[in-house]
C-alpha atoms as a PDB file:
ATOM      1  CA  MET A   1      32.805  -8.363 -20.211  1.00  0.00           C
ATOM      2  CA  ASN A   2      29.974 -10.644 -21.343  1.00  0.00           C
ATOM      3  CA  LYS A   3      30.610 -11.969 -24.810  1.00  0.00           C
ATOM      4  CA  LEU A   4      28.357 -13.776 -27.238  1.00  0.00           C
ATOM      5  CA  ILE A   5      29.190 -17.436 -27.625  1.00  0.00           C
ATOM      6  CA  VAL A   6      27.066 -18.674 -30.527  1.00  0.00           C
ATOM      7  CA  LEU A   7      24.873 -15.785 -31.683  1.00  0.00           C
ATOM      8  CA  PRO A   8      26.440 -13.802 -34.566  1.00  0.00           C
ATOM      9  CA  LYS A   9      26.931 -10.080 -33.835  1.00  0.00           C
ATOM     10  CA  GLN A  10      24.729  -9.082 -36.776  1.00  0.00           C
ATOM     11  CA  GLN A  11      21.821 -11.194 -35.498  1.00  0.00           C
ATOM     12  CA  HIS A  12      22.398  -9.826 -31.985  1.00  0.00           C
ATOM     13  CA  SER A  13      22.248  -6.242 -33.291  1.00  0.00           C
ATOM     14  CA  HIS A  14      19.148  -7.054 -35.322  1.00  0.00           C
ATOM     15  CA  MET A  15      17.419  -8.506 -32.248  1.00  0.00           C
ATOM     16  CA  LEU A  16      18.245  -5.452 -30.146  1.00  0.00           C
ATOM     17  CA  GLU A  17      16.981  -3.129 -32.876  1.00  0.00           C
ATOM     18  CA  TYR A  18      13.549  -4.775 -32.891  1.00  0.00           C
ATOM     19  CA  MET A  19      13.231  -5.376 -29.152  1.00  0.00           C
ATOM     20  CA  PRO A  20      10.386  -3.218 -27.785  1.00  0.00           C
ATOM     21  CA  ASN A  21      11.299  -0.591 -25.199  1.00  0.00           C
ATOM     22  CA  ASP A  22      10.350  -1.106 -21.543  1.00  0.00           C
ATOM     23  CA  GLY A  23       7.141   0.932 -21.817  1.00  0.00           C
ATOM     24  CA  THR A  24       5.942  -1.076 -24.791  1.00  0.00           C
ATOM     25  CA  LEU A  25       6.897  -4.340 -23.077  1.00  0.00           C
ATOM     26  CA  LYS A  26       4.809  -3.357 -20.026  1.00  0.00           C
ATOM     27  CA  LYS A  27       1.814  -2.504 -22.209  1.00  0.00           C
ATOM     28  CA  LEU A  28       2.196  -5.764 -24.113  1.00  0.00           C
ATOM     29  CA  ALA A  29       2.338  -7.762 -20.877  1.00  0.00           C
ATOM     30  CA  ASP A  30      -0.791  -5.944 -19.640  1.00  0.00           C
ATOM     31  CA  PHE A  31      -2.520  -6.663 -22.954  1.00  0.00           C
ATOM     32  CA  PHE A  32      -1.899 -10.391 -22.691  1.00  0.00           C
ATOM     33  CA  THR A  33      -2.902 -10.373 -19.012  1.00  0.00           C
ATOM     34  CA  MET A  34      -6.434  -9.631 -20.231  1.00  0.00           C
ATOM     35  CA  PHE A  35      -6.482 -13.166 -21.631  1.00  0.00           C
ATOM     36  CA  SER A  36      -5.109 -14.839 -18.495  1.00  0.00           C
ATOM     37  CA  ASP A  37      -8.452 -15.257 -16.736  1.00  0.00           C
ATOM     38  CA  SER A  38     -11.175 -17.644 -17.932  1.00  0.00           C
ATOM     39  CA  THR A  39     -13.975 -15.299 -16.824  1.00  0.00           C
ATOM     40  CA  ARG A  40     -12.486 -12.453 -18.859  1.00  0.00           C
ATOM     41  CA  ILE A  41     -12.122 -14.777 -21.841  1.00  0.00           C
ATOM     42  CA  LYS A  42     -15.812 -15.698 -21.597  1.00  0.00           C
ATOM     43  CA  ILE A  43     -16.782 -12.026 -21.459  1.00  0.00           C
ATOM     44  CA  ILE A  44     -14.489 -11.115 -24.348  1.00  0.00           C
ATOM     45  CA  THR A  45     -15.886 -13.996 -26.415  1.00  0.00           C
ATOM     46  CA  ALA A  46     -19.470 -12.906 -25.767  1.00  0.00           C
ATOM     47  CA  LEU A  47     -18.692  -9.279 -26.585  1.00  0.00           C
ATOM     48  CA  CYS A  48     -16.907 -10.274 -29.798  1.00  0.00           C
ATOM     49  CA  LEU A  49     -20.305 -11.541 -30.923  1.00  0.00           C
ATOM     50  CA  GLY A  50     -22.133  -8.319 -30.058  1.00  0.00           C
ATOM     51  CA  ARG A  51     -22.662  -5.611 -27.485  1.00  0.00           C
ATOM     52  CA  MET A  52     -24.332  -6.625 -24.239  1.00  0.00           C
ATOM     53  CA  CYS A  53     -25.343  -5.241 -20.848  1.00  0.00           C
ATOM     54  CA  VAL A  54     -24.084  -6.627 -17.532  1.00  0.00           C
ATOM     55  CA  ASN A  55     -27.329  -8.487 -16.820  1.00  0.00           C
ATOM     56  CA  ASP A  56     -27.350 -10.233 -20.197  1.00  0.00           C
ATOM     57  CA  LEU A  57     -23.673 -11.179 -19.834  1.00  0.00           C
ATOM     58  CA  SER A  58     -24.371 -12.500 -16.334  1.00  0.00           C
ATOM     59  CA  VAL A  59     -27.338 -14.627 -17.427  1.00  0.00           C
ATOM     60  CA  THR A  60     -25.737 -15.852 -20.658  1.00  0.00           C
ATOM     61  CA  LEU A  61     -22.417 -16.790 -19.064  1.00  0.00           C
ATOM     62  CA  ASN A  62     -23.891 -17.900 -15.720  1.00  0.00           C
ATOM     63  CA  ILE A  63     -21.584 -15.547 -13.822  1.00  0.00           C
ATOM     64  CA  ASN A  64     -22.500 -13.338 -10.864  1.00  0.00           C
ATOM     65  CA  GLN A  65     -23.261  -9.727 -11.939  1.00  0.00           C
ATOM     66  CA  THR A  66     -20.701  -8.357  -9.482  1.00  0.00           C
ATOM     67  CA  THR A  67     -18.004 -10.537 -11.037  1.00  0.00           C
ATOM     68  CA  VAL A  68     -19.023  -9.480 -14.546  1.00  0.00           C
ATOM     69  CA  SER A  69     -18.909  -5.803 -13.538  1.00  0.00           C
ATOM     70  CA  HIS A  70     -15.502  -6.226 -11.894  1.00  0.00           C
ATOM     71  CA  GLN A  71     -14.040  -7.933 -14.965  1.00  0.00           C
ATOM     72  CA  LEU A  72     -15.590  -5.352 -17.312  1.00  0.00           C
ATOM     73  CA  LYS A  73     -13.943  -2.598 -15.259  1.00  0.00           C
ATOM     74  CA  TYR A  74     -10.612  -4.388 -15.665  1.00  0.00           C
ATOM     75  CA  LEU A  75     -11.142  -4.789 -19.421  1.00  0.00           C
ATOM     76  CA  LYS A  76     -12.150  -1.123 -19.740  1.00  0.00           C
ATOM     77  CA  THR A  77      -9.041  -0.017 -17.831  1.00  0.00           C
ATOM     78  CA  TYR A  78      -6.838  -1.775 -20.387  1.00  0.00           C
ATOM     79  CA  GLY A  79      -8.824  -0.426 -23.329  1.00  0.00           C
ATOM     80  CA  ALA A  80     -10.306  -3.684 -24.617  1.00  0.00           C
ATOM     81  CA  VAL A  81     -13.912  -2.825 -23.822  1.00  0.00           C
ATOM     82  CA  GLY A  82     -15.941   0.319 -24.297  1.00  0.00           C
ATOM     83  CA  CYS A  83     -19.452   1.212 -23.210  1.00  0.00           C
ATOM     84  CA  GLU A  84     -22.440   3.262 -24.329  1.00  0.00           C
ATOM     85  CA  ARG A  85     -25.421   4.334 -22.272  1.00  0.00           C
ATOM     86  CA  ASP A  86     -28.906   4.012 -23.733  1.00  0.00           C
ATOM     87  CA  GLY A  87     -31.294   5.351 -21.103  1.00  0.00           C
ATOM     88  CA  LYS A  88     -30.764   3.249 -17.985  1.00  0.00           C
ATOM     89  CA  ILE A  89     -28.924   0.469 -19.788  1.00  0.00           C
ATOM     90  CA  ILE A  90     -25.159   0.473 -20.364  1.00  0.00           C
ATOM     91  CA  TYR A  91     -24.015  -1.609 -23.295  1.00  0.00           C
ATOM     92  CA  TYR A  92     -20.480  -3.001 -23.408  1.00  0.00           C
ATOM     93  CA  PHE A  93     -18.589  -3.821 -26.579  1.00  0.00           C
ATOM     94  CA  ILE A  94     -15.141  -4.795 -27.828  1.00  0.00           C
ATOM     95  CA  LYS A  95     -13.275  -1.661 -28.924  1.00  0.00           C
ATOM     96  CA  SER A  96     -11.058  -3.256 -31.548  1.00  0.00           C
ATOM     97  CA  ASP A  97     -11.237  -6.140 -33.995  1.00  0.00           C
ATOM     98  CA  SER A  98      -7.681  -6.898 -32.891  1.00  0.00           C
ATOM     99  CA  ILE A  99      -9.082  -8.373 -29.659  1.00  0.00           C
ATOM    100  CA  ASN A 100     -11.199 -10.787 -31.683  1.00  0.00           C
ATOM    101  CA  ASP A 101      -8.168 -11.591 -33.869  1.00  0.00           C
ATOM    102  CA  VAL A 102      -6.108 -12.513 -30.801  1.00  0.00           C
ATOM    103  CA  MET A 103      -8.903 -14.782 -29.574  1.00  0.00           C
ATOM    104  CA  LEU A 104      -9.222 -16.484 -32.965  1.00  0.00           C
ATOM    105  CA  ASN A 105      -5.451 -16.913 -33.278  1.00  0.00           C
ATOM    106  CA  GLY A 106      -5.362 -18.472 -29.816  1.00  0.00           C
ATOM    107  CA  VAL A 107      -8.101 -20.942 -30.666  1.00  0.00           C
ATOM    108  CA  ASN A 108      -6.479 -21.769 -34.018  1.00  0.00           C
ATOM    109  CA  TYR A 109      -3.156 -22.383 -32.277  1.00  0.00           C
ATOM    110  CA  LEU A 110      -4.781 -24.739 -29.766  1.00  0.00           C
ATOM    111  CA  LEU A 111      -6.616 -26.642 -32.502  1.00  0.00           C
ATOM    112  CA  ALA A 112      -3.404 -27.086 -34.498  1.00  0.00           C
ATOM    113  CA  ASN A 113      -1.405 -28.446 -31.543  1.00  0.00           C
END
């Protein structure tokens, strides 16, 4: 019933072929949600520079430790952040250079516009 008005059928087919499935779209939306909070962006930025514990993140970023812990839990849930225990101290780190790449691309985009 619905017909294309301007878009050529070949381009329409090509678009549909490359459109991610619903599961991938959900994961992609969740991925970008990680960057939708300024506190998470601060934490991600700090961790892109090196692994840190909650206390050091809290002091460095001037954010309450409870807030840092809550945001780290969120980032861990979505796979952006990992952790390692060394005695009593838990160190957090970025799990993939892709996270840093997204941050750098975002900054580069903002600087160019």
